[in-house]
Protein backbone atom coordinates (compact mmCIF):
# COMPACT_ATOMS: atom_id res chain seq x y z
CA MET A 1 51.51 -94.25 -11.77
CA LYS A 2 50.92 -93.80 -8.04
CA GLN A 3 48.21 -91.25 -7.34
CA ARG A 4 48.14 -89.33 -4.08
CA SER A 5 44.92 -87.69 -3.01
CA VAL A 6 44.84 -84.30 -1.31
CA LEU A 7 41.74 -83.06 0.50
CA VAL A 8 41.58 -79.35 1.41
CA VAL A 9 39.11 -78.35 4.11
CA LEU A 10 37.03 -75.22 3.42
CA PHE A 11 35.10 -73.04 5.85
CA ASP A 12 33.77 -69.50 6.01
CA GLY A 13 36.56 -67.04 6.70
CA VAL A 14 39.27 -69.19 5.09
CA GLN A 15 42.34 -67.44 3.70
CA SER A 16 42.06 -68.06 -0.05
CA LEU A 17 45.83 -68.15 -0.67
CA ASP A 18 46.20 -70.83 2.00
CA VAL A 19 43.98 -72.93 -0.25
CA THR A 20 45.05 -71.95 -3.75
CA GLY A 21 48.80 -71.69 -3.08
CA PRO A 22 49.33 -75.35 -2.13
CA MET A 23 46.76 -76.49 -4.71
CA GLU A 24 48.70 -74.71 -7.48
CA VAL A 25 51.83 -76.57 -6.38
CA PHE A 26 50.17 -79.99 -6.41
CA SER A 27 48.36 -79.18 -9.66
CA GLY A 28 51.63 -78.08 -11.26
CA ALA A 29 53.27 -81.33 -10.19
CA SER A 30 50.45 -83.33 -11.77
CA ARG A 31 51.30 -81.87 -15.17
CA SER A 32 54.59 -83.76 -15.08
CA PRO A 33 54.75 -87.27 -16.59
CA GLY A 34 54.21 -89.99 -14.04
CA VAL A 35 52.95 -87.65 -11.33
CA SER A 36 49.34 -87.48 -10.19
CA TYR A 37 47.65 -85.69 -7.30
CA ASP A 38 43.89 -86.03 -6.97
CA LEU A 39 42.89 -82.62 -5.56
CA ARG A 40 39.58 -82.17 -3.81
CA THR A 41 38.00 -79.55 -1.59
CA ALA A 42 35.20 -80.05 0.91
CA SER A 43 33.17 -78.03 3.39
CA LEU A 44 31.04 -79.33 6.23
CA ASP A 45 27.78 -79.26 4.27
CA GLY A 46 29.19 -79.17 0.76
CA GLY A 47 28.00 -75.59 0.29
CA PRO A 48 30.06 -72.62 -0.88
CA VAL A 49 32.22 -70.71 1.58
CA ARG A 50 33.33 -67.09 1.59
CA SER A 51 37.01 -66.36 2.05
CA THR A 52 38.49 -63.48 4.02
CA SER A 53 39.02 -61.57 0.77
CA GLY A 54 35.38 -61.96 -0.21
CA LEU A 55 36.10 -64.65 -2.79
CA THR A 56 33.48 -67.41 -2.85
CA LEU A 57 34.87 -70.94 -3.07
CA MET A 58 32.72 -73.86 -4.27
CA PRO A 59 33.83 -77.17 -2.74
CA ASP A 60 33.69 -80.49 -4.54
CA SER A 61 31.64 -82.14 -1.82
CA SER A 62 30.76 -82.23 1.84
CA LEU A 63 33.34 -83.56 4.25
CA ALA A 64 31.09 -86.54 4.96
CA ASP A 65 31.09 -87.49 1.26
CA ALA A 66 34.77 -86.86 0.60
CA PRO A 67 36.91 -89.97 0.11
CA ALA A 68 39.63 -90.62 2.67
CA PRO A 69 42.73 -88.74 1.46
CA HIS A 70 46.43 -89.45 1.54
CA THR A 71 47.03 -85.83 2.61
CA LEU A 72 44.53 -83.78 4.61
CA LEU A 73 45.24 -80.03 4.44
CA VAL A 74 43.66 -77.52 6.82
CA PRO A 75 44.15 -73.87 5.80
CA GLY A 76 43.98 -70.83 8.03
CA GLY A 77 42.12 -67.55 7.97
CA GLN A 78 39.91 -65.42 10.15
CA GLY A 79 37.43 -68.28 10.43
CA THR A 80 39.88 -70.20 12.63
CA ARG A 81 39.82 -67.50 15.31
CA GLY A 82 36.32 -68.37 16.47
CA SER A 83 34.58 -71.54 17.53
CA LEU A 84 33.94 -74.20 14.87
CA PRO A 85 32.76 -77.14 16.97
CA GLU A 86 31.40 -79.25 14.09
CA LEU A 87 34.58 -78.89 12.06
CA THR A 88 36.70 -79.54 15.13
CA ALA A 89 34.73 -82.72 15.83
CA TRP A 90 35.21 -83.89 12.24
CA LEU A 91 38.95 -83.23 12.45
CA ARG A 92 39.20 -85.04 15.76
CA GLU A 93 37.65 -88.14 14.19
CA HIS A 94 39.25 -88.06 10.76
CA GLY A 95 42.54 -86.23 11.34
CA PRO A 96 44.41 -89.30 12.64
CA LYS A 97 43.66 -91.34 9.50
CA PRO A 98 45.57 -89.75 6.56
CA ASP A 99 49.22 -90.50 5.86
CA ARG A 100 49.92 -86.77 6.11
CA LEU A 101 48.15 -84.13 8.16
CA VAL A 102 48.99 -80.59 7.06
CA SER A 103 48.07 -77.13 8.29
CA VAL A 104 48.76 -73.77 6.73
CA CYS A 105 48.92 -70.61 8.84
CA THR A 106 46.27 -70.61 11.61
CA GLY A 107 44.85 -73.91 10.46
CA ALA A 108 47.08 -75.15 13.30
CA LEU A 109 44.58 -73.64 15.76
CA LEU A 110 41.88 -75.98 14.46
CA LEU A 111 44.17 -79.00 14.67
CA ALA A 112 45.20 -78.03 18.19
CA GLU A 113 41.58 -77.64 19.28
CA ALA A 114 40.95 -81.13 17.92
CA GLY A 115 43.83 -82.46 20.04
CA LEU A 116 45.88 -83.47 17.01
CA LEU A 117 48.99 -81.44 17.85
CA ASP A 118 49.58 -82.57 21.43
CA GLY A 119 53.19 -83.58 21.96
CA HIS A 120 54.25 -82.38 18.52
CA ARG A 121 56.59 -79.61 17.40
CA VAL A 122 54.64 -77.21 15.21
CA THR A 123 54.55 -73.68 13.88
CA THR A 124 51.94 -71.21 12.68
CA HIS A 125 51.68 -67.57 11.67
CA TRP A 126 54.09 -65.54 13.82
CA ASN A 127 51.23 -63.43 15.21
CA TYR A 128 49.48 -66.52 16.63
CA CYS A 129 52.39 -68.57 17.96
CA GLU A 130 52.04 -67.10 21.44
CA ARG A 131 48.30 -67.81 21.49
CA LEU A 132 48.80 -71.36 20.27
CA ALA A 133 51.39 -72.03 22.98
CA ARG A 134 49.26 -70.40 25.70
CA ASP A 135 45.95 -72.06 24.83
CA TYR A 136 47.41 -75.51 24.09
CA PRO A 137 50.32 -76.11 26.48
CA ALA A 138 50.74 -79.71 25.32
CA VAL A 139 51.83 -78.42 21.90
CA ARG A 140 55.50 -77.55 21.33
CA VAL A 141 55.32 -74.32 19.35
CA ASP A 142 58.37 -73.13 17.40
CA PRO A 143 57.77 -69.53 16.23
CA GLU A 144 60.87 -69.29 14.03
CA PRO A 145 60.67 -71.59 10.96
CA ILE A 146 58.39 -71.17 7.96
CA PHE A 147 57.36 -74.81 8.21
CA VAL A 148 57.94 -77.80 10.47
CA ARG A 149 57.78 -81.53 9.79
CA ASP A 150 57.13 -83.82 12.75
CA GLY A 151 56.40 -87.34 11.57
CA ARG A 152 53.19 -87.42 9.55
CA LEU A 153 52.36 -83.91 10.75
CA ALA A 154 53.40 -80.82 8.75
CA THR A 155 52.59 -77.26 9.80
CA SER A 156 53.52 -73.98 8.16
CA ALA A 157 53.68 -70.30 8.95
CA GLY A 158 51.44 -67.70 7.37
CA VAL A 159 50.00 -67.57 3.88
CA THR A 160 52.84 -67.94 1.31
CA ALA A 161 54.67 -70.40 3.58
CA GLY A 162 51.99 -72.90 2.55
CA ILE A 163 53.53 -72.86 -0.92
CA ASP A 164 56.95 -73.66 0.52
CA LEU A 165 55.51 -76.52 2.52
CA ALA A 166 53.62 -77.91 -0.49
CA LEU A 167 56.84 -77.77 -2.53
CA ALA A 168 58.61 -79.68 0.24
CA LEU A 169 55.90 -82.35 0.13
CA VAL A 170 56.23 -82.65 -3.65
CA GLU A 171 59.99 -82.99 -3.23
CA GLU A 172 59.38 -85.71 -0.66
CA ASP A 173 57.08 -87.54 -3.09
CA HIS A 174 58.84 -86.99 -6.41
CA GLY A 175 62.27 -85.46 -5.90
CA ARG A 176 64.03 -82.12 -5.74
CA ASP A 177 64.16 -81.39 -9.47
CA LEU A 178 60.38 -81.45 -9.86
CA ALA A 179 59.89 -79.22 -6.81
CA LEU A 180 62.38 -76.68 -8.16
CA ASN A 181 60.76 -76.73 -11.61
CA ILE A 182 57.38 -75.95 -10.05
CA ALA A 183 58.94 -73.18 -7.95
CA ARG A 184 60.37 -71.58 -11.07
CA HIS A 185 57.04 -71.91 -12.89
CA LEU A 186 55.27 -70.16 -10.01
CA VAL A 187 58.00 -67.48 -10.02
CA VAL A 188 58.89 -68.17 -6.40
CA PHE A 189 62.33 -69.13 -7.77
CA LEU A 190 63.32 -71.47 -5.00
CA ARG A 191 61.71 -73.51 -2.29
CA ARG A 192 62.72 -71.88 0.96
CA PRO A 193 64.06 -74.36 3.54
CA GLY A 194 61.72 -75.10 6.41
CA ASN A 195 64.19 -73.78 8.95
CA GLN A 196 64.33 -70.38 7.27
CA ALA A 197 63.00 -67.81 9.70
CA GLN A 198 59.58 -66.28 9.22
CA PHE A 199 61.26 -62.87 9.33
CA SER A 200 64.50 -61.53 7.92
CA ALA A 201 67.03 -60.26 10.44
CA GLN A 202 65.82 -56.71 9.89
CA LEU A 203 62.16 -57.58 10.41
CA ARG A 204 62.72 -59.82 13.43
CA VAL A 205 63.96 -56.93 15.52
CA GLN A 206 62.51 -53.53 16.23
CA THR A 207 63.70 -50.51 14.30
CA ALA A 208 65.61 -48.16 16.57
CA GLU A 209 63.92 -44.87 17.35
CA ARG A 210 67.05 -42.74 17.29
CA GLU A 211 68.48 -41.93 13.88
CA PRO A 212 72.13 -42.82 14.67
CA LEU A 213 71.07 -46.32 15.77
CA ARG A 214 68.83 -46.75 12.71
CA GLU A 215 71.75 -45.77 10.51
CA VAL A 216 73.92 -48.36 12.25
CA GLN A 217 71.29 -51.06 11.61
CA HIS A 218 71.27 -50.13 7.93
CA TRP A 219 75.06 -50.07 7.80
CA ILE A 220 75.29 -53.57 9.27
CA THR A 221 72.89 -54.90 6.65
CA GLN A 222 74.75 -53.25 3.77
CA HIS A 223 78.26 -54.12 5.01
CA PRO A 224 78.26 -57.58 6.65
CA ASP A 225 81.95 -57.98 5.78
CA ALA A 226 83.01 -54.82 7.66
CA ASP A 227 84.33 -54.54 11.21
CA LEU A 228 81.05 -54.87 13.12
CA GLY A 229 82.43 -55.06 16.63
CA VAL A 230 80.77 -52.97 19.32
CA ASP A 231 83.61 -50.44 19.38
CA ALA A 232 83.40 -49.82 15.62
CA LEU A 233 79.61 -49.61 15.62
CA ALA A 234 79.60 -47.32 18.65
CA ALA A 235 82.04 -44.99 16.91
CA ARG A 236 79.75 -44.86 13.87
CA ALA A 237 76.85 -43.92 16.16
CA ARG A 238 79.05 -41.41 18.00
CA LEU A 239 78.36 -43.08 21.33
CA SER A 240 80.55 -44.79 23.89
CA PRO A 241 80.63 -48.58 23.47
CA ARG A 242 78.80 -49.11 26.76
CA HIS A 243 76.10 -46.54 25.96
CA PHE A 244 75.74 -47.87 22.41
CA ALA A 245 75.31 -51.50 23.49
CA ARG A 246 72.73 -50.55 26.13
CA ALA A 247 70.79 -48.24 23.79
CA PHE A 248 70.86 -50.69 20.87
CA ARG A 249 69.39 -53.47 22.98
CA ALA A 250 66.79 -51.18 24.54
CA GLU A 251 65.57 -49.92 21.18
CA THR A 252 65.83 -53.06 19.03
CA GLY A 253 65.22 -55.82 21.56
CA THR A 254 68.48 -57.62 20.80
CA THR A 255 72.20 -57.14 21.34
CA PRO A 256 74.47 -55.73 18.61
CA GLY A 257 76.34 -59.02 18.45
CA ARG A 258 73.21 -61.07 18.00
CA TYR A 259 71.94 -58.74 15.30
CA VAL A 260 75.25 -58.95 13.44
CA ASP A 261 75.17 -62.76 13.66
CA GLN A 262 71.66 -62.84 12.14
CA VAL A 263 72.56 -60.45 9.32
CA ARG A 264 75.73 -62.35 8.41
CA LEU A 265 74.02 -65.72 8.40
CA GLU A 266 71.17 -64.40 6.27
CA HIS A 267 73.61 -62.80 3.83
CA ALA A 268 75.60 -66.03 3.52
CA ARG A 269 72.43 -68.03 2.91
CA ARG A 270 71.37 -65.70 0.10
CA LEU A 271 74.77 -65.97 -1.58
CA LEU A 272 74.74 -69.76 -1.33
CA GLU A 273 71.25 -69.88 -2.81
CA ASP A 274 71.62 -67.27 -5.54
CA THR A 275 75.26 -67.29 -6.68
CA ALA A 276 77.96 -69.72 -7.75
CA ASP A 277 80.54 -68.12 -5.44
CA GLY A 278 82.74 -70.57 -3.61
CA VAL A 279 82.28 -71.23 0.09
CA GLU A 280 85.48 -69.36 0.94
CA GLN A 281 84.34 -66.33 -1.07
CA VAL A 282 80.89 -66.41 0.56
CA ALA A 283 82.49 -66.60 4.00
CA ARG A 284 84.62 -63.51 3.33
CA ALA A 285 81.75 -61.55 1.76
CA SER A 286 79.53 -62.33 4.74
CA GLY A 287 82.05 -61.26 7.35
CA TYR A 288 83.04 -64.66 8.69
CA GLY A 289 86.66 -64.42 7.64
CA THR A 290 87.13 -68.17 7.24
CA PRO A 291 84.98 -71.01 5.89
CA GLU A 292 85.34 -72.77 9.25
CA ALA A 293 83.81 -69.82 11.12
CA MET A 294 80.89 -69.82 8.70
CA ARG A 295 80.51 -73.58 9.00
CA ARG A 296 80.26 -73.32 12.79
CA ALA A 297 77.56 -70.64 12.49
CA PHE A 298 75.55 -72.73 10.02
CA VAL A 299 75.79 -75.90 12.09
CA LYS A 300 74.85 -74.07 15.28
CA THR A 301 71.80 -72.32 13.81
CA LEU A 302 70.68 -74.51 10.90
CA ALA A 303 72.12 -77.89 11.86
CA THR A 304 73.73 -78.20 8.42
CA ALA A 305 77.02 -77.20 6.81
CA PRO A 306 77.17 -74.49 4.10
CA ALA A 307 78.03 -76.92 1.30
CA GLU A 308 75.08 -79.15 2.18
CA TYR A 309 72.82 -76.12 2.49
CA ARG A 310 73.77 -75.06 -1.04
CA ARG A 311 73.30 -78.57 -2.42
CA ARG A 312 69.78 -78.74 -1.06
CA PHE A 313 68.51 -75.25 -1.74
CA ARG A 314 70.22 -73.78 -4.79
CA PRO A 315 68.43 -74.58 -8.06
CA PRO A 316 70.48 -76.33 -10.74
CA SER A 317 71.96 -74.15 -13.48
CA PRO A 318 69.66 -73.92 -16.50
CA ARG A 319 70.69 -76.07 -19.43
CA THR A 320 71.82 -74.31 -22.55
């Protein structure tokens, strides 16, 4: 049995779920035959730390006494917003050594301060992507996905995205079936793909201020297979097409066409993940009309075809 060690860094102001979420995934994997993760936690001095929720966490050791891990995981939390020079210095020295270097949420800020993200594509919590890009221009920040793999480096978005990333690492180590079994056990149902957006289509854009435009947004979400051209949507809002398109963009921050594209893609992804409907049926239900139109949208946005997307991200049918 090959054992992989995971060391989780603790500090005052850590987000407790950034710690416990991934640890539950690795711990769950270790309950499977032939799988073993040696999980350890460590703080700078080996003393307890207080999380953002007020929960006190007792580490296994100090960072100086912790054995070199296979995977080093740096969580986020309010403690990452300030200056942690001693922890940054430790990360700068020891971060290059593990086979995998992982951050959850704003743990990426600590890795960036240590110079470990320079030249890499990374992500973090959506609210801190702009700060990460501004303060560390050598880092290539992608604000969209829930997690990003770049060589030995793995970074995730906020809080629960750390669970998705940990499941992806378990899949990398031990296969898809084990990762999906753990996901079901944790009642997260399915490991979300890394390129899934941090926000749904509805949350990524602003909600329109005027009621007719809000109603149109809701209609689009509920009827992705309807005629969602500008003329049809403008008529529903009782506006001229030109006025509607201008007002929609002003109030939501995106064009009607772009919003429709996001809603349809998201709807198709959910059907592929959660149903056994055929690709042609999913395409029609999502407003694409033809499987080829849906395939082009998937390849353009997700760099994968619908059938491959389903193969990777829909859990197998339960055995009876």
